[in-house]
Amino acid sequence: MGGSFDPVHLAHVALAEEALARLALDEVRWVPVGQPWQKARQLAPAADRLAMVGLATAHEPRFVLDDIEVRRAGPSYTLDTVRSLQAAEPDAQWWLVIGQDQCVNLPTWQGWAELLQRVGLAVACRGDAPAAVSPEVAQAAVRGIQILTMPPMAVSSTAIRGHLNAGGFPLDLTPGLVPAGVARYIADHHLYAP
């Protein structure tokens, strides 16, 4: 499960918990992006994003924080990450856990067809929104597609950053938006402040 996690929030945690349960996974590997090639904006420092993910995932021993993309130089391509993980653990079966929005964008990813030959695809749909998997993605996903139905959660990293940049207090984020430890970290490190 990759992403900018800028910041990590409760919908990310809920998605990872759903993936653990529905896919009967041994673990969910959380992979914060190093250098995102599809984002123009500046991210919070990698060390802060790693620390926040560590705080958000500490309650579940099957959540594993992996800094593979942060350590690698150059743009972070999911295909490169999957190749490295598979080389290190050739007997493991891998799933890519993504949201519906990223599923729509998947054909724009570097090496996406090869990626879908290497991993199963788990797509999160919010609420009663229908799963929309394009025919080209469905055809390329030779290891299968699993739809993860998530309850509607009105939370996004963009909205959280906007709240904080407008002068909102970080601990106001705790109920229903971010784990308490993440809110404290944001406050202590003055992240996303105006």
N, C-alpha and C. Protein backbone atom coordinates (compact mmCIF):
# COMPACT_ATOMS: atom_id res chain seq x y z
N MET A 1 0.86 -1.16 0.00
CA MET A 1 0.00 0.00 0.00
C MET A 1 0.91 1.22 0.00
N GLY A 2 0.95 1.89 -1.12
CA GLY A 2 1.82 3.05 -1.25
C GLY A 2 1.04 4.34 -1.28
N GLY A 3 1.75 5.43 -1.12
CA GLY A 3 1.11 6.74 -1.19
C GLY A 3 2.01 7.80 -0.61
N SER A 4 1.57 9.03 -0.74
CA SER A 4 2.36 10.13 -0.16
C SER A 4 2.15 10.17 1.35
N PHE A 5 0.97 9.78 1.83
CA PHE A 5 0.66 9.80 3.26
C PHE A 5 1.06 11.15 3.86
N ASP A 6 0.50 12.21 3.26
CA ASP A 6 0.92 13.58 3.58
C ASP A 6 -0.26 14.43 4.02
N PRO A 7 -0.84 14.19 5.20
CA PRO A 7 -0.48 13.17 6.19
C PRO A 7 -1.32 11.90 6.04
N VAL A 8 -0.87 10.85 6.71
CA VAL A 8 -1.65 9.63 6.80
C VAL A 8 -2.90 9.93 7.61
N HIS A 9 -4.03 9.32 7.25
CA HIS A 9 -5.28 9.59 7.97
C HIS A 9 -6.04 8.30 8.21
N LEU A 10 -7.19 8.42 8.88
CA LEU A 10 -7.94 7.24 9.31
C LEU A 10 -8.52 6.43 8.15
N ALA A 11 -8.79 7.04 7.01
CA ALA A 11 -9.27 6.27 5.86
C ALA A 11 -8.16 5.35 5.34
N HIS A 12 -6.91 5.82 5.38
CA HIS A 12 -5.79 4.95 5.00
C HIS A 12 -5.74 3.73 5.92
N VAL A 13 -5.88 3.97 7.21
CA VAL A 13 -5.82 2.89 8.20
C VAL A 13 -6.99 1.92 7.98
N ALA A 14 -8.17 2.45 7.75
CA ALA A 14 -9.35 1.60 7.52
C ALA A 14 -9.17 0.74 6.27
N LEU A 15 -8.60 1.31 5.22
CA LEU A 15 -8.36 0.56 4.00
C LEU A 15 -7.37 -0.58 4.26
N ALA A 16 -6.31 -0.31 4.97
CA ALA A 16 -5.32 -1.35 5.27
C ALA A 16 -5.93 -2.45 6.12
N GLU A 17 -6.77 -2.09 7.08
CA GLU A 17 -7.43 -3.09 7.92
C GLU A 17 -8.39 -3.94 7.10
N GLU A 18 -9.11 -3.31 6.17
CA GLU A 18 -10.02 -4.05 5.28
C GLU A 18 -9.24 -5.00 4.39
N ALA A 19 -8.11 -4.55 3.86
CA ALA A 19 -7.28 -5.41 3.01
C ALA A 19 -6.77 -6.61 3.80
N LEU A 20 -6.32 -6.40 5.03
CA LEU A 20 -5.87 -7.51 5.87
C LEU A 20 -6.97 -8.57 6.00
N ALA A 21 -8.16 -8.12 6.31
CA ALA A 21 -9.27 -9.03 6.56
C ALA A 21 -9.78 -9.70 5.28
N ARG A 22 -10.08 -8.91 4.27
CA ARG A 22 -10.71 -9.45 3.05
C ARG A 22 -9.77 -10.31 2.22
N LEU A 23 -8.49 -9.95 2.21
CA LEU A 23 -7.53 -10.69 1.38
C LEU A 23 -6.78 -11.75 2.17
N ALA A 24 -7.06 -11.84 3.47
CA ALA A 24 -6.36 -12.80 4.35
C ALA A 24 -4.85 -12.66 4.22
N LEU A 25 -4.38 -11.43 4.37
CA LEU A 25 -2.96 -11.13 4.20
C LEU A 25 -2.17 -11.44 5.47
N ASP A 26 -0.91 -11.78 5.29
CA ASP A 26 0.00 -11.93 6.42
C ASP A 26 0.41 -10.56 6.94
N GLU A 27 0.50 -9.60 6.04
CA GLU A 27 0.87 -8.23 6.43
C GLU A 27 0.43 -7.26 5.36
N VAL A 28 0.36 -5.99 5.75
CA VAL A 28 0.22 -4.90 4.80
C VAL A 28 1.50 -4.09 4.90
N ARG A 29 2.17 -3.98 3.78
CA ARG A 29 3.41 -3.22 3.70
C ARG A 29 3.06 -1.79 3.30
N TRP A 30 3.34 -0.84 4.20
CA TRP A 30 3.08 0.58 3.95
C TRP A 30 4.35 1.18 3.33
N VAL A 31 4.22 1.78 2.15
CA VAL A 31 5.37 2.29 1.42
C VAL A 31 5.15 3.78 1.09
N PRO A 32 5.61 4.67 1.97
CA PRO A 32 5.54 6.10 1.63
C PRO A 32 6.42 6.42 0.42
N VAL A 33 5.89 7.24 -0.46
CA VAL A 33 6.59 7.60 -1.68
C VAL A 33 7.85 8.40 -1.36
N GLY A 34 8.87 8.19 -2.17
CA GLY A 34 10.09 8.98 -2.06
C GLY A 34 9.95 10.26 -2.87
N GLN A 35 10.11 10.12 -4.18
CA GLN A 35 9.95 11.25 -5.10
C GLN A 35 8.78 10.95 -6.03
N PRO A 36 7.61 11.50 -5.73
CA PRO A 36 6.45 11.21 -6.58
C PRO A 36 6.59 11.85 -7.95
N TRP A 37 6.38 11.07 -8.97
CA TRP A 37 6.53 11.60 -10.33
C TRP A 37 5.25 12.21 -10.85
N GLN A 38 4.11 11.99 -10.17
CA GLN A 38 2.84 12.54 -10.63
C GLN A 38 2.34 13.71 -9.78
N LYS A 39 3.12 14.15 -8.81
CA LYS A 39 2.69 15.26 -7.95
C LYS A 39 3.61 16.45 -8.18
N ALA A 40 3.01 17.61 -8.40
CA ALA A 40 3.81 18.82 -8.61
C ALA A 40 4.13 19.52 -7.30
N ARG A 41 3.28 19.33 -6.28
CA ARG A 41 3.48 20.06 -5.03
C ARG A 41 4.60 19.44 -4.19
N GLN A 42 5.14 20.24 -3.32
CA GLN A 42 6.17 19.78 -2.38
C GLN A 42 5.52 18.99 -1.25
N LEU A 43 6.06 17.82 -0.95
CA LEU A 43 5.55 17.01 0.15
C LEU A 43 6.26 17.38 1.44
N ALA A 44 5.65 17.02 2.56
CA ALA A 44 6.34 17.13 3.84
C ALA A 44 7.59 16.25 3.77
N PRO A 45 8.62 16.56 4.55
CA PRO A 45 9.83 15.75 4.50
C PRO A 45 9.54 14.26 4.72
N ALA A 46 10.30 13.43 4.04
CA ALA A 46 10.10 11.98 4.11
C ALA A 46 10.19 11.48 5.55
N ALA A 47 11.10 12.01 6.33
CA ALA A 47 11.25 11.56 7.71
C ALA A 47 9.97 11.80 8.50
N ASP A 48 9.30 12.93 8.26
CA ASP A 48 8.05 13.22 8.96
C ASP A 48 6.93 12.28 8.49
N ARG A 49 6.86 12.04 7.19
CA ARG A 49 5.81 11.15 6.67
C ARG A 49 6.02 9.71 7.16
N LEU A 50 7.26 9.28 7.21
CA LEU A 50 7.56 7.95 7.76
C LEU A 50 7.16 7.87 9.24
N ALA A 51 7.50 8.90 10.00
CA ALA A 51 7.17 8.91 11.43
C ALA A 51 5.66 8.87 11.64
N MET A 52 4.91 9.64 10.83
CA MET A 52 3.45 9.65 10.99
C MET A 52 2.85 8.30 10.64
N VAL A 53 3.33 7.66 9.59
CA VAL A 53 2.83 6.33 9.24
C VAL A 53 3.16 5.35 10.36
N GLY A 54 4.36 5.46 10.92
CA GLY A 54 4.72 4.59 12.04
C GLY A 54 3.77 4.75 13.22
N LEU A 55 3.39 5.98 13.52
CA LEU A 55 2.44 6.22 14.61
C LEU A 55 1.05 5.69 14.28
N ALA A 56 0.63 5.85 13.04
CA ALA A 56 -0.72 5.44 12.63
C ALA A 56 -0.87 3.92 12.56
N THR A 57 0.24 3.22 12.40
CA THR A 57 0.18 1.77 12.20
C THR A 57 0.68 0.96 13.39
N ALA A 58 1.12 1.61 14.44
CA ALA A 58 1.74 0.92 15.57
C ALA A 58 0.79 -0.06 16.27
N HIS A 59 -0.50 0.16 16.16
CA HIS A 59 -1.47 -0.69 16.86
C HIS A 59 -1.63 -2.07 16.23
N GLU A 60 -1.16 -2.27 15.00
CA GLU A 60 -1.38 -3.54 14.29
C GLU A 60 -0.03 -4.15 13.91
N PRO A 61 0.35 -5.27 14.53
CA PRO A 61 1.65 -5.87 14.24
C PRO A 61 1.80 -6.35 12.80
N ARG A 62 0.69 -6.55 12.08
CA ARG A 62 0.79 -6.98 10.68
C ARG A 62 0.92 -5.80 9.71
N PHE A 63 0.99 -4.59 10.24
CA PHE A 63 1.32 -3.42 9.43
C PHE A 63 2.83 -3.24 9.49
N VAL A 64 3.45 -3.18 8.33
CA VAL A 64 4.90 -3.06 8.24
C VAL A 64 5.24 -1.79 7.47
N LEU A 65 6.01 -0.92 8.08
CA LEU A 65 6.46 0.31 7.43
C LEU A 65 7.73 0.01 6.66
N ASP A 66 7.74 0.34 5.37
CA ASP A 66 8.88 0.06 4.51
C ASP A 66 9.32 1.36 3.84
N ASP A 67 10.57 1.74 4.03
CA ASP A 67 11.08 2.99 3.47
C ASP A 67 11.81 2.79 2.14
N ILE A 68 11.50 1.73 1.43
CA ILE A 68 12.19 1.38 0.18
C ILE A 68 12.18 2.52 -0.83
N GLU A 69 11.07 3.22 -0.98
CA GLU A 69 11.01 4.29 -1.97
C GLU A 69 11.72 5.55 -1.49
N VAL A 70 11.71 5.78 -0.21
CA VAL A 70 12.41 6.95 0.34
C VAL A 70 13.93 6.77 0.18
N ARG A 71 14.40 5.55 0.33
CA ARG A 71 15.83 5.27 0.21
C ARG A 71 16.32 5.28 -1.24
N ARG A 72 15.44 5.00 -2.18
CA ARG A 72 15.84 4.90 -3.58
C ARG A 72 15.89 6.29 -4.22
N ALA A 73 16.97 6.55 -4.96
CA ALA A 73 17.11 7.82 -5.67
C ALA A 73 16.22 7.83 -6.91
N GLY A 74 15.85 9.01 -7.33
CA GLY A 74 15.05 9.15 -8.54
C GLY A 74 13.57 9.03 -8.27
N PRO A 75 12.77 9.13 -9.33
CA PRO A 75 11.32 9.04 -9.19
C PRO A 75 10.89 7.70 -8.62
N SER A 76 9.83 7.71 -7.83
CA SER A 76 9.30 6.49 -7.22
C SER A 76 8.25 5.88 -8.15
N TYR A 77 8.63 4.81 -8.80
CA TYR A 77 7.70 4.06 -9.64
C TYR A 77 7.32 2.78 -8.90
N THR A 78 6.03 2.52 -8.80
CA THR A 78 5.54 1.34 -8.10
C THR A 78 6.12 0.06 -8.70
N LEU A 79 6.28 0.03 -10.01
CA LEU A 79 6.84 -1.16 -10.64
C LEU A 79 8.24 -1.45 -10.12
N ASP A 80 9.08 -0.42 -9.97
CA ASP A 80 10.43 -0.64 -9.43
C ASP A 80 10.37 -1.19 -8.01
N THR A 81 9.43 -0.66 -7.23
CA THR A 81 9.28 -1.12 -5.85
C THR A 81 8.85 -2.58 -5.82
N VAL A 82 7.88 -2.94 -6.63
CA VAL A 82 7.41 -4.33 -6.66
C VAL A 82 8.51 -5.26 -7.14
N ARG A 83 9.26 -4.87 -8.15
CA ARG A 83 10.38 -5.71 -8.60
C ARG A 83 11.36 -5.96 -7.46
N SER A 84 11.70 -4.91 -6.71
CA SER A 84 12.64 -5.05 -5.59
C SER A 84 12.08 -5.94 -4.50
N LEU A 85 10.81 -5.74 -4.14
CA LEU A 85 10.19 -6.56 -3.10
C LEU A 85 10.11 -8.03 -3.52
N GLN A 86 9.77 -8.27 -4.78
CA GLN A 86 9.68 -9.65 -5.25
C GLN A 86 11.06 -10.30 -5.32
N ALA A 87 12.09 -9.54 -5.66
CA ALA A 87 13.44 -10.10 -5.69
C ALA A 87 13.88 -10.49 -4.28
N ALA A 88 13.50 -9.67 -3.30
CA ALA A 88 13.89 -9.95 -1.90
C ALA A 88 13.07 -11.09 -1.30
N GLU A 89 11.81 -11.24 -1.75
CA GLU A 89 10.92 -12.27 -1.20
C GLU A 89 10.20 -12.97 -2.36
N PRO A 90 10.93 -13.82 -3.11
CA PRO A 90 10.37 -14.40 -4.33
C PRO A 90 9.19 -15.35 -4.11
N ASP A 91 9.02 -15.87 -2.92
CA ASP A 91 7.93 -16.81 -2.67
C ASP A 91 6.65 -16.13 -2.20
N ALA A 92 6.71 -14.83 -1.94
CA ALA A 92 5.53 -14.10 -1.47
C ALA A 92 4.60 -13.79 -2.64
N GLN A 93 3.32 -13.76 -2.35
CA GLN A 93 2.33 -13.30 -3.32
C GLN A 93 1.95 -11.88 -2.92
N TRP A 94 2.01 -10.97 -3.86
CA TRP A 94 1.83 -9.54 -3.57
C TRP A 94 0.52 -9.03 -4.14
N TRP A 95 -0.11 -8.12 -3.38
CA TRP A 95 -1.29 -7.39 -3.81
C TRP A 95 -0.94 -5.91 -3.81
N LEU A 96 -1.46 -5.18 -4.76
CA LEU A 96 -1.37 -3.73 -4.77
C LEU A 96 -2.72 -3.20 -4.30
N VAL A 97 -2.72 -2.46 -3.19
CA VAL A 97 -3.94 -1.92 -2.61
C VAL A 97 -4.01 -0.45 -2.98
N ILE A 98 -5.04 -0.09 -3.75
CA ILE A 98 -5.18 1.30 -4.20
C ILE A 98 -6.63 1.73 -4.08
N GLY A 99 -6.84 3.03 -4.14
CA GLY A 99 -8.18 3.60 -4.15
C GLY A 99 -8.73 3.65 -5.56
N GLN A 100 -10.03 3.85 -5.65
CA GLN A 100 -10.71 3.93 -6.95
C GLN A 100 -10.09 5.01 -7.83
N ASP A 101 -9.73 6.15 -7.22
CA ASP A 101 -9.15 7.25 -8.00
C ASP A 101 -7.86 6.83 -8.67
N GLN A 102 -7.02 6.06 -7.96
CA GLN A 102 -5.77 5.60 -8.56
C GLN A 102 -6.01 4.49 -9.58
N CYS A 103 -7.05 3.72 -9.40
CA CYS A 103 -7.38 2.68 -10.38
C CYS A 103 -7.70 3.32 -11.73
N VAL A 104 -8.42 4.42 -11.70
CA VAL A 104 -8.74 5.13 -12.93
C VAL A 104 -7.47 5.63 -13.61
N ASN A 105 -6.50 6.09 -12.80
CA ASN A 105 -5.24 6.63 -13.35
C ASN A 105 -4.20 5.56 -13.65
N LEU A 106 -4.45 4.33 -13.29
CA LEU A 106 -3.45 3.28 -13.42
C LEU A 106 -2.79 3.19 -14.79
N PRO A 107 -3.53 3.33 -15.89
CA PRO A 107 -2.88 3.25 -17.20
C PRO A 107 -1.87 4.37 -17.48
N THR A 108 -1.80 5.37 -16.62
CA THR A 108 -0.78 6.42 -16.79
C THR A 108 0.50 6.09 -16.02
N TRP A 109 0.49 5.03 -15.21
CA TRP A 109 1.66 4.67 -14.41
C TRP A 109 2.75 4.04 -15.27
N GLN A 110 3.97 4.27 -14.88
CA GLN A 110 5.13 3.67 -15.54
C GLN A 110 5.03 2.14 -15.45
N GLY A 111 5.02 1.45 -16.59
CA GLY A 111 5.03 0.00 -16.61
C GLY A 111 3.82 -0.66 -15.99
N TRP A 112 2.66 -0.01 -16.09
CA TRP A 112 1.46 -0.51 -15.39
C TRP A 112 1.04 -1.91 -15.83
N ALA A 113 1.19 -2.25 -17.09
CA ALA A 113 0.78 -3.58 -17.55
C ALA A 113 1.65 -4.66 -16.93
N GLU A 114 2.95 -4.43 -16.88
CA GLU A 114 3.84 -5.39 -16.22
C GLU A 114 3.52 -5.47 -14.73
N LEU A 115 3.25 -4.34 -14.13
CA LEU A 115 2.89 -4.31 -12.70
C LEU A 115 1.70 -5.24 -12.43
N LEU A 116 0.68 -5.16 -13.28
CA LEU A 116 -0.53 -5.98 -13.07
C LEU A 116 -0.32 -7.45 -13.41
N GLN A 117 0.80 -7.78 -14.04
CA GLN A 117 1.17 -9.19 -14.23
C GLN A 117 1.86 -9.73 -12.99
N ARG A 118 2.40 -8.84 -12.17
CA ARG A 118 3.18 -9.23 -11.00
C ARG A 118 2.38 -9.29 -9.70
N VAL A 119 1.28 -8.54 -9.63
CA VAL A 119 0.53 -8.42 -8.37
C VAL A 119 -0.95 -8.61 -8.61
N GLY A 120 -1.67 -9.01 -7.55
CA GLY A 120 -3.11 -8.91 -7.56
C GLY A 120 -3.48 -7.46 -7.30
N LEU A 121 -4.63 -7.04 -7.74
CA LEU A 121 -5.06 -5.66 -7.59
C LEU A 121 -6.26 -5.60 -6.66
N ALA A 122 -6.14 -4.84 -5.58
CA ALA A 122 -7.24 -4.62 -4.64
C ALA A 122 -7.63 -3.15 -4.74
N VAL A 123 -8.89 -2.90 -5.10
CA VAL A 123 -9.36 -1.54 -5.35
C VAL A 123 -10.43 -1.18 -4.31
N ALA A 124 -10.19 -0.09 -3.61
CA ALA A 124 -11.13 0.38 -2.59
C ALA A 124 -12.16 1.30 -3.24
N CYS A 125 -13.42 1.00 -2.97
CA CYS A 125 -14.52 1.86 -3.42
C CYS A 125 -15.20 2.42 -2.18
N ARG A 126 -15.47 3.71 -2.19
CA ARG A 126 -16.07 4.37 -1.02
C ARG A 126 -17.58 4.30 -1.08
N GLY A 127 -18.15 3.84 0.04
CA GLY A 127 -19.60 3.81 0.15
C GLY A 127 -20.24 2.92 -0.88
N ASP A 128 -21.33 3.41 -1.48
CA ASP A 128 -22.01 2.61 -2.48
C ASP A 128 -21.62 3.04 -3.89
N ALA A 129 -20.46 3.70 -4.04
CA ALA A 129 -19.99 4.04 -5.38
C ALA A 129 -19.62 2.75 -6.10
N PRO A 130 -20.08 2.60 -7.33
CA PRO A 130 -19.77 1.36 -8.05
C PRO A 130 -18.28 1.29 -8.41
N ALA A 131 -17.76 0.09 -8.41
CA ALA A 131 -16.38 -0.11 -8.82
C ALA A 131 -16.28 0.12 -10.32
N ALA A 132 -15.34 0.94 -10.69
CA ALA A 132 -15.13 1.23 -12.12
C ALA A 132 -13.71 0.82 -12.49
N VAL A 133 -13.60 -0.38 -13.04
CA VAL A 133 -12.30 -0.87 -13.51
C VAL A 133 -12.38 -0.91 -15.02
N SER A 134 -11.49 -0.20 -15.67
CA SER A 134 -11.53 -0.13 -17.13
C SER A 134 -11.25 -1.50 -17.73
N PRO A 135 -11.77 -1.76 -18.93
CA PRO A 135 -11.51 -3.04 -19.58
C PRO A 135 -10.02 -3.32 -19.75
N GLU A 136 -9.22 -2.28 -20.05
CA GLU A 136 -7.79 -2.52 -20.24
C GLU A 136 -7.11 -2.92 -18.94
N VAL A 137 -7.54 -2.34 -17.81
CA VAL A 137 -6.98 -2.74 -16.52
C VAL A 137 -7.44 -4.15 -16.17
N ALA A 138 -8.71 -4.44 -16.37
CA ALA A 138 -9.23 -5.78 -16.08
C ALA A 138 -8.50 -6.84 -16.89
N GLN A 139 -8.24 -6.57 -18.14
CA GLN A 139 -7.56 -7.53 -18.99
C GLN A 139 -6.10 -7.72 -18.55
N ALA A 140 -5.44 -6.65 -18.14
CA ALA A 140 -4.03 -6.73 -17.74
C ALA A 140 -3.85 -7.38 -16.37
N ALA A 141 -4.88 -7.35 -15.54
CA ALA A 141 -4.77 -7.85 -14.16
C ALA A 141 -4.88 -9.37 -14.14
N VAL A 142 -3.82 -10.03 -14.57
CA VAL A 142 -3.85 -11.49 -14.72
C VAL A 142 -3.91 -12.21 -13.37
N ARG A 143 -3.51 -11.54 -12.30
CA ARG A 143 -3.56 -12.16 -10.97
C ARG A 143 -4.86 -11.84 -10.23
N GLY A 144 -5.76 -11.15 -10.88
CA GLY A 144 -7.07 -10.91 -10.31
C GLY A 144 -7.26 -9.52 -9.74
N ILE A 145 -8.54 -9.18 -9.57
CA ILE A 145 -8.95 -7.90 -8.99
C ILE A 145 -9.92 -8.20 -7.86
N GLN A 146 -9.67 -7.59 -6.72
CA GLN A 146 -10.57 -7.72 -5.57
C GLN A 146 -11.10 -6.33 -5.24
N ILE A 147 -12.40 -6.19 -5.13
CA ILE A 147 -13.00 -4.90 -4.76
C ILE A 147 -13.16 -4.87 -3.23
N LEU A 148 -12.66 -3.82 -2.62
CA LEU A 148 -12.79 -3.61 -1.18
C LEU A 148 -13.80 -2.49 -0.96
N THR A 149 -14.95 -2.83 -0.41
CA THR A 149 -15.98 -1.83 -0.18
C THR A 149 -15.73 -1.17 1.17
N MET A 150 -15.56 0.13 1.13
CA MET A 150 -15.24 0.90 2.33
C MET A 150 -16.43 1.78 2.71
N PRO A 151 -16.63 1.99 4.01
CA PRO A 151 -17.68 2.94 4.41
C PRO A 151 -17.27 4.34 3.97
N PRO A 152 -18.24 5.20 3.68
CA PRO A 152 -17.89 6.57 3.31
C PRO A 152 -17.18 7.26 4.47
N MET A 153 -16.05 7.87 4.18
CA MET A 153 -15.30 8.61 5.20
C MET A 153 -14.94 9.96 4.59
N ALA A 154 -15.42 11.01 5.18
CA ALA A 154 -15.17 12.36 4.67
C ALA A 154 -13.82 12.85 5.18
N VAL A 155 -12.76 12.27 4.65
CA VAL A 155 -11.42 12.65 5.07
C VAL A 155 -10.48 12.54 3.87
N SER A 156 -9.61 13.52 3.74
CA SER A 156 -8.58 13.47 2.70
C SER A 156 -7.37 14.24 3.20
N SER A 157 -6.21 13.84 2.71
CA SER A 157 -4.98 14.55 3.07
C SER A 157 -5.04 16.00 2.60
N THR A 158 -5.61 16.23 1.43
CA THR A 158 -5.73 17.59 0.90
C THR A 158 -6.54 18.47 1.85
N ALA A 159 -7.68 17.98 2.32
CA ALA A 159 -8.51 18.76 3.24
C ALA A 159 -7.81 18.99 4.57
N ILE A 160 -7.09 18.00 5.05
CA ILE A 160 -6.36 18.15 6.32
C ILE A 160 -5.29 19.23 6.18
N ARG A 161 -4.52 19.18 5.10
CA ARG A 161 -3.49 20.22 4.88
C ARG A 161 -4.14 21.59 4.77
N GLY A 162 -5.27 21.67 4.08
CA GLY A 162 -5.98 22.95 3.94
C GLY A 162 -6.44 23.49 5.27
N HIS A 163 -6.98 22.64 6.13
CA HIS A 163 -7.42 23.04 7.47
C HIS A 163 -6.25 23.62 8.27
N LEU A 164 -5.13 22.92 8.23
CA LEU A 164 -3.96 23.36 9.01
C LEU A 164 -3.34 24.62 8.42
N ASN A 165 -3.30 24.71 7.09
CA ASN A 165 -2.73 25.88 6.45
C ASN A 165 -3.56 27.12 6.69
N ALA A 166 -4.87 26.91 6.94
CA ALA A 166 -5.76 28.04 7.24
C ALA A 166 -5.71 28.43 8.71
N GLY A 167 -4.82 27.80 9.47
CA GLY A 167 -4.67 28.15 10.88
C GLY A 167 -5.40 27.23 11.83
N GLY A 168 -5.98 26.13 11.31
CA GLY A 168 -6.65 25.17 12.19
C GLY A 168 -5.66 24.50 13.13
N PHE A 169 -6.13 24.09 14.27
CA PHE A 169 -5.27 23.46 15.28
C PHE A 169 -5.15 21.97 14.98
N PRO A 170 -3.92 21.41 15.00
CA PRO A 170 -3.74 20.00 14.65
C PRO A 170 -4.57 19.02 15.47
N LEU A 171 -4.74 19.27 16.75
CA LEU A 171 -5.47 18.31 17.57
C LEU A 171 -6.97 18.30 17.24
N ASP A 172 -7.45 19.33 16.51
CA ASP A 172 -8.83 19.32 16.02
C ASP A 172 -9.05 18.20 15.01
N LEU A 173 -7.97 17.64 14.48
CA LEU A 173 -8.07 16.60 13.45
C LEU A 173 -8.35 15.23 14.04
N THR A 174 -8.13 15.07 15.33
CA THR A 174 -8.19 13.74 15.94
C THR A 174 -9.53 13.04 15.76
N PRO A 175 -10.67 13.65 16.04
CA PRO A 175 -11.93 12.90 15.92
C PRO A 175 -12.27 12.62 14.45
N GLY A 176 -12.07 11.39 14.04
CA GLY A 176 -12.50 10.96 12.72
C GLY A 176 -11.61 11.30 11.55
N LEU A 177 -10.48 11.98 11.77
CA LEU A 177 -9.63 12.35 10.64
C LEU A 177 -8.26 11.69 10.68
N VAL A 178 -7.53 11.88 11.75
CA VAL A 178 -6.20 11.26 11.88
C VAL A 178 -6.08 10.60 13.24
N PRO A 179 -5.23 9.58 13.35
CA PRO A 179 -4.98 9.01 14.68
C PRO A 179 -4.42 10.07 15.62
N ALA A 180 -4.70 9.93 16.91
CA ALA A 180 -4.27 10.92 17.91
C ALA A 180 -2.76 11.14 17.87
N GLY A 181 -1.99 10.07 17.74
CA GLY A 181 -0.53 10.21 17.70
C GLY A 181 -0.06 11.03 16.51
N VAL A 182 -0.75 10.90 15.39
CA VAL A 182 -0.40 11.69 14.20
C VAL A 182 -0.74 13.16 14.42
N ALA A 183 -1.87 13.45 15.03
CA ALA A 183 -2.24 14.84 15.33
C ALA A 183 -1.21 15.48 16.26
N ARG A 184 -0.77 14.73 17.27
CA ARG A 184 0.26 15.26 18.18
C ARG A 184 1.57 15.50 17.44
N TYR A 185 1.93 14.59 16.55
CA TYR A 185 3.17 14.74 15.78
C TYR A 185 3.10 16.00 14.91
N ILE A 186 1.98 16.19 14.23
CA ILE A 186 1.80 17.38 13.39
C ILE A 186 1.94 18.64 14.23
N ALA A 187 1.34 18.66 15.42
CA ALA A 187 1.41 19.83 16.30
C ALA A 187 2.84 20.04 16.78
N ASP A 188 3.48 18.99 17.24
CA ASP A 188 4.84 19.11 17.79
C ASP A 188 5.86 19.55 16.74
N HIS A 189 5.64 19.18 15.48
CA HIS A 189 6.61 19.49 14.42
C HIS A 189 6.13 20.63 13.52
N HIS A 190 5.01 21.24 13.87
CA HIS A 190 4.50 22.41 13.14
C HIS A 190 4.37 22.13 11.64
N LEU A 191 3.84 20.95 11.32
CA LEU A 191 3.66 20.59 9.91
C LEU A 191 2.42 21.25 9.34
N TYR A 192 2.50 21.62 8.09
CA TYR A 192 1.38 22.17 7.32
C TYR A 192 0.87 23.50 7.86
N ALA A 193 1.63 24.14 8.70
CA ALA A 193 1.21 25.43 9.27
C ALA A 193 1.33 26.51 8.18
N PRO A 194 0.52 27.58 8.33
CA PRO A 194 0.61 28.67 7.34
C PRO A 194 1.97 29.35 7.38
